[in-house]
């Protein structure tokens, strides 16, 4: 299968490496930066719990270099989804599928507006990754599930083919007949830990040793569950504690969430698509979400401080 990973961060690089090793024509596509240049030049240096290895992965900085593919896996930051997909339309042919594995809610609707709803399938992954430096990542794949499905719940051959390609590459993948519920289950996991680690700058090991933070996480997840139920979503994770525990399964105490990694790089976060989505939908369904609203406000304040500092540095 010819597959393009749109967004070569730690997670996108992980998927690209595993699929390449399995014999697929897998491409990493990213705007020019030090990481994609290092991968193109030297390959990808991967650290896992089992050890370290180098994998040769095709890397490109323009969609025209890659050409039409069977599958586009979208793993850019949520706020960059629409722009990235518009710039990558050279990947899309008559039979191309587009799969978002991004954090949060709302990506499928954005992608459908650009490539057509008939091409879009949905998914979530619990695979983890950390960018250690240009061309270097730490990946957490063992024991981590990826779930994909049609938005209408049908079990189609095209989704099964993608699942088989992923599973054959060592990326454990299940087809879900309730992918909307799956999206909300993963949202609970992101709601539990992302904003809190971004605000406190704590790793998973530190976060899970603080009872006060656990209590806040459970309250935030409880709000998300209440909103999902009001929206008529059938959840797999019914209790906040289940999401809290699932979030750290198989990940080292040193693990950093993508939100924390973004802030440490001085970048804006995906908060609008995670806790922000809970707040927006809570307003729509008249469900109070004060904890999530507070977490969003805190992250927005941190983003503002970072932006101001960067502007000061640029003018000094």
C-alpha atoms as a PDB file:
ATOM      1  CA  UNK A   1       0.000   0.000   0.000  1.00  0.00           C
ATOM      2  CA  UNK A   2       1.240   3.505  -0.814  1.00  0.00           C
ATOM      3  CA  UNK A   3       0.721   5.626   2.281  1.00  0.00           C
ATOM      4  CA  UNK A   4       1.579   9.234   3.072  1.00  0.00           C
ATOM      5  CA  UNK A   5       1.826  10.411   6.662  1.00  0.00           C
ATOM      6  CA  UNK A   6       0.887  14.089   6.572  1.00  0.00           C
ATOM      7  CA  UNK A   7       2.763  15.556   9.524  1.00  0.00           C
ATOM      8  CA  UNK A   8       6.157  14.125  10.470  1.00  0.00           C
ATOM      9  CA  UNK A   9       6.184  14.757  14.189  1.00  0.00           C
ATOM     10  CA  UNK A  10       7.007  12.034  16.689  1.00  0.00           C
ATOM     11  CA  UNK A  11       3.754  10.136  16.122  1.00  0.00           C
ATOM     12  CA  UNK A  12       3.733  10.529  12.354  1.00  0.00           C
ATOM     13  CA  UNK A  13       7.357   9.417  12.213  1.00  0.00           C
ATOM     14  CA  UNK A  14       6.505   6.349  14.287  1.00  0.00           C
ATOM     15  CA  UNK A  15       3.751   5.288  11.888  1.00  0.00           C
ATOM     16  CA  UNK A  16       5.957   5.989   8.880  1.00  0.00           C
ATOM     17  CA  UNK A  17       8.808   3.912  10.273  1.00  0.00           C
ATOM     18  CA  UNK A  18       6.699   0.883  11.215  1.00  0.00           C
ATOM     19  CA  UNK A  19       4.896   0.887   7.856  1.00  0.00           C
ATOM     20  CA  UNK A  20       8.176   1.278   5.949  1.00  0.00           C
ATOM     21  CA  UNK A  21       9.751  -1.640   7.800  1.00  0.00           C
ATOM     22  CA  UNK A  22       6.744  -3.774   6.838  1.00  0.00           C
ATOM     23  CA  UNK A  23       7.381  -3.133   3.145  1.00  0.00           C
ATOM     24  CA  UNK A  24       4.790  -0.462   2.396  1.00  0.00           C
ATOM     25  CA  UNK A  25       5.699   2.558   0.311  1.00  0.00           C
ATOM     26  CA  UNK A  26       5.306   4.923   3.233  1.00  0.00           C
ATOM     27  CA  UNK A  27       6.186   8.604   2.967  1.00  0.00           C
ATOM     28  CA  UNK A  28       6.597  11.267   5.624  1.00  0.00           C
ATOM     29  CA  UNK A  29       5.412  14.637   4.322  1.00  0.00           C
ATOM     30  CA  UNK A  30       6.110  17.805   6.247  1.00  0.00           C
ATOM     31  CA  UNK A  31       6.903  21.434   5.626  1.00  0.00           C
ATOM     32  CA  UNK A  32      10.673  22.029   5.620  1.00  0.00           C
ATOM     33  CA  UNK A  33      12.279  21.734   9.054  1.00  0.00           C
ATOM     34  CA  UNK A  34      15.355  20.195  10.666  1.00  0.00           C
ATOM     35  CA  UNK A  35      13.619  16.903  11.495  1.00  0.00           C
ATOM     36  CA  UNK A  36      12.291  16.065   8.024  1.00  0.00           C
ATOM     37  CA  UNK A  37      15.635  17.092   6.510  1.00  0.00           C
ATOM     38  CA  UNK A  38      17.496  14.774   8.895  1.00  0.00           C
ATOM     39  CA  UNK A  39      15.158  11.861   8.094  1.00  0.00           C
ATOM     40  CA  UNK A  40      15.600  12.407   4.355  1.00  0.00           C
ATOM     41  CA  UNK A  41      19.377  12.536   4.745  1.00  0.00           C
ATOM     42  CA  UNK A  42      20.137   9.935   7.423  1.00  0.00           C
ATOM     43  CA  UNK A  43      16.977   7.953   8.159  1.00  0.00           C
ATOM     44  CA  UNK A  44      15.115   7.836  11.457  1.00  0.00           C
ATOM     45  CA  UNK A  45      16.790   6.966  14.764  1.00  0.00           C
ATOM     46  CA  UNK A  46      14.176   5.258  16.972  1.00  0.00           C
ATOM     47  CA  UNK A  47      14.309   4.466  20.685  1.00  0.00           C
ATOM     48  CA  UNK A  48      11.829   1.984  22.179  1.00  0.00           C
ATOM     49  CA  UNK A  49      11.632  -0.094  25.334  1.00  0.00           C
ATOM     50  CA  UNK A  50      13.256  -2.906  23.315  1.00  0.00           C
ATOM     51  CA  UNK A  51      16.262  -0.857  22.213  1.00  0.00           C
ATOM     52  CA  UNK A  52      17.418   1.490  19.492  1.00  0.00           C
ATOM     53  CA  UNK A  53      17.469   1.177  15.705  1.00  0.00           C
ATOM     54  CA  UNK A  54      17.716   3.228  12.532  1.00  0.00           C
ATOM     55  CA  UNK A  55      15.036   2.993   9.853  1.00  0.00           C
ATOM     56  CA  UNK A  56      15.162   4.377   6.329  1.00  0.00           C
ATOM     57  CA  UNK A  57      11.909   6.218   5.639  1.00  0.00           C
ATOM     58  CA  UNK A  58      10.949   8.125   2.502  1.00  0.00           C
ATOM     59  CA  UNK A  59      10.665  11.808   3.363  1.00  0.00           C
ATOM     60  CA  UNK A  60       9.348  14.720   1.320  1.00  0.00           C
ATOM     61  CA  UNK A  61       8.601  18.397   1.726  1.00  0.00           C
ATOM     62  CA  UNK A  62       6.039  18.681  -1.073  1.00  0.00           C
ATOM     63  CA  UNK A  63       3.039  16.565  -2.016  1.00  0.00           C
ATOM     64  CA  UNK A  64       4.076  16.661  -5.666  1.00  0.00           C
ATOM     65  CA  UNK A  65       7.211  14.698  -4.770  1.00  0.00           C
ATOM     66  CA  UNK A  66       5.073  11.914  -3.285  1.00  0.00           C
ATOM     67  CA  UNK A  67       2.273  11.805  -5.866  1.00  0.00           C
ATOM     68  CA  UNK A  68      -1.087  10.067  -5.566  1.00  0.00           C
ATOM     69  CA  UNK A  69      -1.364   7.588  -2.682  1.00  0.00           C
ATOM     70  CA  UNK A  70      -3.821   4.965  -1.485  1.00  0.00           C
ATOM     71  CA  UNK A  71      -4.059   6.429   2.006  1.00  0.00           C
ATOM     72  CA  UNK A  72      -3.296   9.779   3.620  1.00  0.00           C
ATOM     73  CA  UNK A  73      -2.853   9.572   7.398  1.00  0.00           C
ATOM     74  CA  UNK A  74      -3.307  13.057   8.833  1.00  0.00           C
ATOM     75  CA  UNK A  75      -1.139  13.718  11.884  1.00  0.00           C
ATOM     76  CA  UNK A  76      -0.449  17.441  11.693  1.00  0.00           C
ATOM     77  CA  UNK A  77      -1.357  19.592  14.670  1.00  0.00           C
ATOM     78  CA  UNK A  78      -5.110  20.139  14.767  1.00  0.00           C
ATOM     79  CA  UNK A  79      -4.938  23.863  14.089  1.00  0.00           C
ATOM     80  CA  UNK A  80      -2.973  23.179  10.868  1.00  0.00           C
ATOM     81  CA  UNK A  81      -5.365  20.554   9.455  1.00  0.00           C
ATOM     82  CA  UNK A  82      -7.158  22.562   6.779  1.00  0.00           C
ATOM     83  CA  UNK A  83      -4.089  24.368   5.451  1.00  0.00           C
ATOM     84  CA  UNK A  84      -1.969  21.201   5.392  1.00  0.00           C
ATOM     85  CA  UNK A  85      -4.608  19.190   3.526  1.00  0.00           C
ATOM     86  CA  UNK A  86      -5.157  21.934   0.953  1.00  0.00           C
ATOM     87  CA  UNK A  87      -1.422  22.026   0.274  1.00  0.00           C
ATOM     88  CA  UNK A  88      -1.354  18.226  -0.077  1.00  0.00           C
ATOM     89  CA  UNK A  89      -4.116  17.723  -2.646  1.00  0.00           C
ATOM     90  CA  UNK A  90      -1.569  16.252  -5.076  1.00  0.00           C
ATOM     91  CA  UNK A  91      -1.736  13.133  -2.870  1.00  0.00           C
ATOM     92  CA  UNK A  92      -5.415  12.600  -3.644  1.00  0.00           C
ATOM     93  CA  UNK A  93      -6.527  10.435  -6.559  1.00  0.00           C
ATOM     94  CA  UNK A  94      -9.842   8.746  -7.430  1.00  0.00           C
ATOM     95  CA  UNK A  95      -9.445   5.983  -4.812  1.00  0.00           C
ATOM     96  CA  UNK A  96      -7.502   7.813  -2.097  1.00  0.00           C
ATOM     97  CA  UNK A  97      -8.712   7.537   1.504  1.00  0.00           C
ATOM     98  CA  UNK A  98      -7.998  10.189   4.130  1.00  0.00           C
ATOM     99  CA  UNK A  99      -7.696   9.098   7.767  1.00  0.00           C
ATOM    100  CA  UNK A 100      -7.247  11.458  10.704  1.00  0.00           C
ATOM    101  CA  UNK A 101      -5.497  10.039  13.768  1.00  0.00           C
ATOM    102  CA  UNK A 102      -5.206  13.441  15.438  1.00  0.00           C
ATOM    103  CA  UNK A 103      -6.053  14.361  18.997  1.00  0.00           C
ATOM    104  CA  UNK A 104      -9.414  15.960  19.693  1.00  0.00           C
ATOM    105  CA  UNK A 105     -12.655  16.403  17.781  1.00  0.00           C
ATOM    106  CA  UNK A 106     -13.708  18.053  14.520  1.00  0.00           C
ATOM    107  CA  UNK A 107     -10.983  17.015  12.075  1.00  0.00           C
ATOM    108  CA  UNK A 108     -13.169  14.770   9.940  1.00  0.00           C
ATOM    109  CA  UNK A 109     -15.542  17.637   9.194  1.00  0.00           C
ATOM    110  CA  UNK A 110     -12.643  19.896   8.170  1.00  0.00           C
ATOM    111  CA  UNK A 111     -11.157  17.212   5.918  1.00  0.00           C
ATOM    112  CA  UNK A 112     -14.529  16.372   4.352  1.00  0.00           C
ATOM    113  CA  UNK A 113     -14.928  19.996   3.250  1.00  0.00           C
ATOM    114  CA  UNK A 114     -11.621  19.775   1.373  1.00  0.00           C
ATOM    115  CA  UNK A 115     -11.480  16.241  -0.101  1.00  0.00           C
ATOM    116  CA  UNK A 116     -15.144  15.199   0.065  1.00  0.00           C
ATOM    117  CA  UNK A 117     -16.883  13.208   2.809  1.00  0.00           C
ATOM    118  CA  UNK A 118     -16.791   9.989   0.770  1.00  0.00           C
ATOM    119  CA  UNK A 119     -12.989   9.814   1.177  1.00  0.00           C
ATOM    120  CA  UNK A 120     -12.817  10.413   4.925  1.00  0.00           C
ATOM    121  CA  UNK A 121     -12.520   7.692   7.536  1.00  0.00           C
ATOM    122  CA  UNK A 122     -11.913   8.290  11.216  1.00  0.00           C
ATOM    123  CA  UNK A 123      -9.602   6.874  13.833  1.00  0.00           C
ATOM    124  CA  UNK A 124      -7.738   7.283  17.072  1.00  0.00           C
ATOM    125  CA  UNK A 125      -4.449   5.870  18.241  1.00  0.00           C
ATOM    126  CA  UNK A 126      -2.948   5.292  21.656  1.00  0.00           C
ATOM    127  CA  UNK A 127       0.562   4.940  20.203  1.00  0.00           C
ATOM    128  CA  UNK A 128       2.923   7.459  21.788  1.00  0.00           C
ATOM    129  CA  UNK A 129       5.960   9.319  20.561  1.00  0.00           C
ATOM    130  CA  UNK A 130       8.440  11.967  21.665  1.00  0.00           C
ATOM    131  CA  UNK A 131      10.697  13.970  19.351  1.00  0.00           C
ATOM    132  CA  UNK A 132      14.198  13.819  20.854  1.00  0.00           C
ATOM    133  CA  UNK A 133      15.900  15.917  18.190  1.00  0.00           C
ATOM    134  CA  UNK A 134      16.188  16.172  14.399  1.00  0.00           C
ATOM    135  CA  UNK A 135      15.870  12.627  13.043  1.00  0.00           C
ATOM    136  CA  UNK A 136      15.460  11.098  16.534  1.00  0.00           C
ATOM    137  CA  UNK A 137      12.281   9.873  18.235  1.00  0.00           C
ATOM    138  CA  UNK A 138      11.207   7.747  21.173  1.00  0.00           C
ATOM    139  CA  UNK A 139       8.209   5.540  20.331  1.00  0.00           C
ATOM    140  CA  UNK A 140       5.703   3.684  22.481  1.00  0.00           C
ATOM    141  CA  UNK A 141       3.974   1.085  20.304  1.00  0.00           C
ATOM    142  CA  UNK A 142       3.872  -2.111  22.385  1.00  0.00           C
ATOM    143  CA  UNK A 143       0.414  -2.734  23.810  1.00  0.00           C
ATOM    144  CA  UNK A 144      -1.027   0.409  22.195  1.00  0.00           C
ATOM    145  CA  UNK A 145      -4.200   0.127  20.120  1.00  0.00           C
ATOM    146  CA  UNK A 146      -5.281   2.061  17.049  1.00  0.00           C
ATOM    147  CA  UNK A 147      -8.992   2.071  16.191  1.00  0.00           C
ATOM    148  CA  UNK A 148     -10.440   3.106  12.828  1.00  0.00           C
ATOM    149  CA  UNK A 149     -13.855   3.075  11.217  1.00  0.00           C
ATOM    150  CA  UNK A 150     -16.406   4.575   8.878  1.00  0.00           C
ATOM    151  CA  UNK A 151     -18.246   7.552  10.326  1.00  0.00           C
ATOM    152  CA  UNK A 152     -21.595   5.879   9.554  1.00  0.00           C
ATOM    153  CA  UNK A 153     -20.587   2.726  11.446  1.00  0.00           C
ATOM    154  CA  UNK A 154     -20.448   0.414   8.417  1.00  0.00           C
ATOM    155  CA  UNK A 155     -17.790  -2.308   8.384  1.00  0.00           C
ATOM    156  CA  UNK A 156     -16.387  -1.819   4.886  1.00  0.00           C
ATOM    157  CA  UNK A 157     -13.634  -3.656   2.965  1.00  0.00           C
ATOM    158  CA  UNK A 158     -11.655  -0.432   2.569  1.00  0.00           C
ATOM    159  CA  UNK A 159     -11.413   0.130   6.308  1.00  0.00           C
ATOM    160  CA  UNK A 160     -10.568  -3.523   6.873  1.00  0.00           C
ATOM    161  CA  UNK A 161      -7.741  -3.238   4.329  1.00  0.00           C
ATOM    162  CA  UNK A 162      -6.238  -0.276   6.208  1.00  0.00           C
ATOM    163  CA  UNK A 163      -6.530  -2.123   9.518  1.00  0.00           C
ATOM    164  CA  UNK A 164      -4.773  -5.164   8.057  1.00  0.00           C
ATOM    165  CA  UNK A 165      -1.959  -3.007   6.654  1.00  0.00           C
ATOM    166  CA  UNK A 166      -1.405  -1.357  10.041  1.00  0.00           C
ATOM    167  CA  UNK A 167      -1.661  -4.589  12.017  1.00  0.00           C
ATOM    168  CA  UNK A 168       0.725  -6.331   9.639  1.00  0.00           C
ATOM    169  CA  UNK A 169       3.257  -3.606  10.406  1.00  0.00           C
ATOM    170  CA  UNK A 170       3.049  -4.210  14.144  1.00  0.00           C
ATOM    171  CA  UNK A 171       0.577  -1.387  14.796  1.00  0.00           C
ATOM    172  CA  UNK A 172      -2.262  -3.216  16.564  1.00  0.00           C
ATOM    173  CA  UNK A 173      -5.429  -1.964  14.862  1.00  0.00           C
ATOM    174  CA  UNK A 174      -9.120  -2.717  15.316  1.00  0.00           C
ATOM    175  CA  UNK A 175     -12.068  -1.715  13.126  1.00  0.00           C
ATOM    176  CA  UNK A 176     -14.786  -0.016  15.180  1.00  0.00           C
ATOM    177  CA  UNK A 177     -18.489   0.037  14.321  1.00  0.00           C
ATOM    178  CA  UNK A 178     -18.827   2.954  16.762  1.00  0.00           C
ATOM    179  CA  UNK A 179     -15.972   5.233  15.754  1.00  0.00           C
ATOM    180  CA  UNK A 180     -17.704   8.334  17.132  1.00  0.00           C
ATOM    181  CA  UNK A 181     -17.699   6.684  20.538  1.00  0.00           C
ATOM    182  CA  UNK A 182     -14.045   5.825  19.985  1.00  0.00           C
ATOM    183  CA  UNK A 183     -13.242   9.476  19.224  1.00  0.00           C
ATOM    184  CA  UNK A 184     -14.858  10.511  22.491  1.00  0.00           C
ATOM    185  CA  UNK A 185     -13.076   7.760  24.434  1.00  0.00           C
ATOM    186  CA  UNK A 186      -9.708   9.070  23.211  1.00  0.00           C
ATOM    187  CA  UNK A 187     -10.835  12.619  23.911  1.00  0.00           C
ATOM    188  CA  UNK A 188     -11.351  11.614  27.550  1.00  0.00           C
ATOM    189  CA  UNK A 189      -7.736  10.422  27.711  1.00  0.00           C
ATOM    190  CA  UNK A 190      -6.472  13.699  26.241  1.00  0.00           C
ATOM    191  CA  UNK A 191      -8.725  15.739  28.531  1.00  0.00           C
ATOM    192  CA  UNK A 192      -7.365  13.849  31.541  1.00  0.00           C
ATOM    193  CA  UNK A 193      -3.698  14.659  31.062  1.00  0.00           C
ATOM    194  CA  UNK A 194      -2.869  17.100  28.257  1.00  0.00           C
ATOM    195  CA  UNK A 195      -3.801  20.482  29.710  1.00  0.00           C
ATOM    196  CA  UNK A 196      -2.697  19.561  33.221  1.00  0.00           C
ATOM    197  CA  UNK A 197       0.781  18.574  32.059  1.00  0.00           C
ATOM    198  CA  UNK A 198       0.986  21.681  29.892  1.00  0.00           C
ATOM    199  CA  UNK A 199       0.123  23.947  32.813  1.00  0.00           C
ATOM    200  CA  UNK A 200       2.320  22.196  35.396  1.00  0.00           C
ATOM    201  CA  UNK A 201       5.161  21.121  33.025  1.00  0.00           C
ATOM    202  CA  UNK A 202       5.067  17.667  34.627  1.00  0.00           C
ATOM    203  CA  UNK A 203       5.910  14.302  33.086  1.00  0.00           C
ATOM    204  CA  UNK A 204       3.506  11.397  33.495  1.00  0.00           C
ATOM    205  CA  UNK A 205       5.438  10.044  36.465  1.00  0.00           C
ATOM    206  CA  UNK A 206       5.166  13.367  38.254  1.00  0.00           C
ATOM    207  CA  UNK A 207       1.531  13.939  37.273  1.00  0.00           C
ATOM    208  CA  UNK A 208       0.366  10.564  38.543  1.00  0.00           C
ATOM    209  CA  UNK A 209       2.042  11.090  41.926  1.00  0.00           C
ATOM    210  CA  UNK A 210       0.007  14.224  42.735  1.00  0.00           C
ATOM    211  CA  UNK A 211      -3.455  13.461  44.238  1.00  0.00           C
ATOM    212  CA  UNK A 212      -4.749  17.009  43.720  1.00  0.00           C
ATOM    213  CA  UNK A 213      -4.004  16.811  40.010  1.00  0.00           C
ATOM    214  CA  UNK A 214      -5.718  13.439  39.787  1.00  0.00           C
ATOM    215  CA  UNK A 215      -8.861  14.945  41.307  1.00  0.00           C
ATOM    216  CA  UNK A 216      -8.827  17.796  38.787  1.00  0.00           C
ATOM    217  CA  UNK A 217      -8.303  15.361  35.902  1.00  0.00           C
ATOM    218  CA  UNK A 218     -11.252  13.231  37.004  1.00  0.00           C
ATOM    219  CA  UNK A 219     -13.502  16.291  37.214  1.00  0.00           C
ATOM    220  CA  UNK A 220     -12.494  17.368  33.696  1.00  0.00           C
ATOM    221  CA  UNK A 221     -13.190  13.892  32.311  1.00  0.00           C
ATOM    222  CA  UNK A 222     -16.538  13.721  34.125  1.00  0.00           C
ATOM    223  CA  UNK A 223     -17.569  16.897  32.304  1.00  0.00           C
ATOM    224  CA  UNK A 224     -16.549  15.386  28.953  1.00  0.00           C
ATOM    225  CA  UNK A 225     -18.579  12.246  29.690  1.00  0.00           C
ATOM    226  CA  UNK A 226     -21.625  14.350  30.567  1.00  0.00           C
ATOM    227  CA  UNK A 227     -21.345  16.296  27.302  1.00  0.00           C
ATOM    228  CA  UNK A 228     -20.939  13.106  25.247  1.00  0.00           C
ATOM    229  CA  UNK A 229     -24.023  11.566  26.830  1.00  0.00           C
ATOM    230  CA  UNK A 230     -26.018  14.729  26.159  1.00  0.00           C
ATOM    231  CA  UNK A 231     -24.905  14.489  22.511  1.00  0.00           C
ATOM    232  CA  UNK A 232     -26.121  10.889  22.298  1.00  0.00           C
ATOM    233  CA  UNK A 233     -22.660   9.361  21.934  1.00  0.00           C
ATOM    234  CA  UNK A 234     -22.246   5.723  22.962  1.00  0.00           C
ATOM    235  CA  UNK A 235     -19.087   5.653  25.077  1.00  0.00           C
ATOM    236  CA  UNK A 236     -16.765   2.759  25.768  1.00  0.00           C
ATOM    237  CA  UNK A 237     -15.186   4.528  28.751  1.00  0.00           C
ATOM    238  CA  UNK A 238     -18.017   5.200  31.177  1.00  0.00           C
ATOM    239  CA  UNK A 239     -16.054   6.306  34.257  1.00  0.00           C
ATOM    240  CA  UNK A 240     -13.422   9.060  34.631  1.00  0.00           C
ATOM    241  CA  UNK A 241     -11.059   6.717  36.461  1.00  0.00           C
ATOM    242  CA  UNK A 242     -10.970   4.411  33.421  1.00  0.00           C
ATOM    243  CA  UNK A 243      -9.715   7.239  31.185  1.00  0.00           C
ATOM    244  CA  UNK A 244      -7.194   8.346  33.822  1.00  0.00           C
ATOM    245  CA  UNK A 245      -5.698   4.857  34.028  1.00  0.00           C
ATOM    246  CA  UNK A 246      -5.792   4.219  30.275  1.00  0.00           C
ATOM    247  CA  UNK A 247      -3.837   7.414  29.617  1.00  0.00           C
ATOM    248  CA  UNK A 248      -0.647   6.078  31.185  1.00  0.00           C
ATOM    249  CA  UNK A 249      -0.851   2.428  30.122  1.00  0.00           C
ATOM    250  CA  UNK A 250       2.460   1.287  28.654  1.00  0.00           C
ATOM    251  CA  UNK A 251       4.111   4.717  28.887  1.00  0.00           C
ATOM    252  CA  UNK A 252       7.266   5.487  30.856  1.00  0.00           C
ATOM    253  CA  UNK A 253       7.243   7.888  33.838  1.00  0.00           C
ATOM    254  CA  UNK A 254       9.356  10.238  31.701  1.00  0.00           C
ATOM    255  CA  UNK A 255       6.650  10.471  29.005  1.00  0.00           C
ATOM    256  CA  UNK A 256       5.555  13.973  28.014  1.00  0.00           C
ATOM    257  CA  UNK A 257       2.182  14.710  26.443  1.00  0.00           C
ATOM    258  CA  UNK A 258       2.050  16.376  23.042  1.00  0.00           C
ATOM    259  CA  UNK A 259       0.615  19.474  24.690  1.00  0.00           C
ATOM    260  CA  UNK A 260       3.593  19.769  27.021  1.00  0.00           C
ATOM    261  CA  UNK A 261       5.994  19.133  24.137  1.00  0.00           C
ATOM    262  CA  UNK A 262       4.331  21.895  22.101  1.00  0.00           C
ATOM    263  CA  UNK A 263       4.628  24.442  24.895  1.00  0.00           C
ATOM    264  CA  UNK A 264       8.248  23.517  25.576  1.00  0.00           C
ATOM    265  CA  UNK A 265       8.972  24.159  21.883  1.00  0.00           C
ATOM    266  CA  UNK A 266       7.252  27.529  22.145  1.00  0.00           C
ATOM    267  CA  UNK A 267       4.372  26.433  19.897  1.00  0.00           C
ATOM    268  CA  UNK A 268       0.626  26.852  20.307  1.00  0.00           C
ATOM    269  CA  UNK A 269      -1.299  23.746  21.361  1.00  0.00           C
ATOM    270  CA  UNK A 270      -4.332  21.720  20.289  1.00  0.00           C
ATOM    271  CA  UNK A 271      -6.334  22.879  23.311  1.00  0.00           C
ATOM    272  CA  UNK A 272      -9.204  24.198  21.131  1.00  0.00           C
ATOM    273  CA  UNK A 273      -9.803  20.687  19.740  1.00  0.00           C
ATOM    274  CA  UNK A 274      -9.555  18.906  23.117  1.00  0.00           C
ATOM    275  CA  UNK A 275     -10.743  20.657  26.281  1.00  0.00           C
ATOM    276  CA  UNK A 276     -12.008  23.497  24.093  1.00  0.00           C
ATOM    277  CA  UNK A 277     -14.231  21.049  22.195  1.00  0.00           C
ATOM    278  CA  UNK A 278     -15.751  19.907  25.495  1.00  0.00           C
ATOM    279  CA  UNK A 279     -16.509  23.523  26.413  1.00  0.00           C
ATOM    280  CA  UNK A 280     -18.051  24.385  23.014  1.00  0.00           C
ATOM    281  CA  UNK A 281     -20.213  21.279  22.885  1.00  0.00           C
ATOM    282  CA  UNK A 282     -21.118  21.758  26.535  1.00  0.00           C
ATOM    283  CA  UNK A 283     -22.517  25.161  25.630  1.00  0.00           C
ATOM    284  CA  UNK A 284     -24.398  23.617  22.699  1.00  0.00           C
ATOM    285  CA  UNK A 285     -25.986  20.922  24.869  1.00  0.00           C
ATOM    286  CA  UNK A 286     -26.311  23.106  27.985  1.00  0.00           C
ATOM    287  CA  UNK A 287     -23.902  21.036  30.068  1.00  0.00           C
ATOM    288  CA  UNK A 288     -21.694  23.022  32.501  1.00  0.00           C
ATOM    289  CA  UNK A 289     -17.942  22.549  31.949  1.00  0.00           C
ATOM    290  CA  UNK A 290     -16.203  24.853  34.465  1.00  0.00           C
ATOM    291  CA  UNK A 291     -13.096  22.708  34.964  1.00  0.00           C
ATOM    292  CA  UNK A 292     -12.411  22.392  31.249  1.00  0.00           C
ATOM    293  CA  UNK A 293     -13.092  26.099  30.741  1.00  0.00           C
ATOM    294  CA  UNK A 294     -10.498  26.882  33.416  1.00  0.00           C
ATOM    295  CA  UNK A 295      -7.927  24.540  31.848  1.00  0.00           C
ATOM    296  CA  UNK A 296      -8.478  26.157  28.437  1.00  0.00           C
ATOM    297  CA  UNK A 297      -8.043  29.634  29.922  1.00  0.00           C
ATOM    298  CA  UNK A 298      -4.786  28.645  31.634  1.00  0.00           C
ATOM    299  CA  UNK A 299      -3.292  27.135  28.458  1.00  0.00           C
ATOM    300  CA  UNK A 300      -4.354  30.187  26.442  1.00  0.00           C
ATOM    301  CA  UNK A 301      -2.589  32.365  29.008  1.00  0.00           C
ATOM    302  CA  UNK A 302       0.600  30.325  28.701  1.00  0.00           C
ATOM    303  CA  UNK A 303       0.434  30.524  24.893  1.00  0.00           C
ATOM    304  CA  UNK A 304       0.043  34.304  25.140  1.00  0.00           C
ATOM    305  CA  UNK A 305       3.052  34.583  27.446  1.00  0.00           C
ATOM    306  CA  UNK A 306       5.168  32.484  25.077  1.00  0.00           C
ATOM    307  CA  UNK A 307       4.130  34.556  22.069  1.00  0.00           C
ATOM    308  CA  UNK A 308       4.902  37.811  23.872  1.00  0.00           C
ATOM    309  CA  UNK A 309       8.296  36.493  24.949  1.00  0.00           C
ATOM    310  CA  UNK A 310       9.125  35.409  21.398  1.00  0.00           C
ATOM    311  CA  UNK A 311       8.157  38.842  20.089  1.00  0.00           C
ATOM    312  CA  UNK A 312      10.324  40.529  22.702  1.00  0.00           C
ATOM    313  CA  UNK A 313      13.269  38.293  21.794  1.00  0.00           C
ATOM    314  CA  UNK A 314      12.798  39.038  18.100  1.00  0.00           C
ATOM    315  CA  UNK A 315      12.868  42.795  18.646  1.00  0.00           C
ATOM    316  CA  UNK A 316      15.646  42.917  21.242  1.00  0.00           C
END
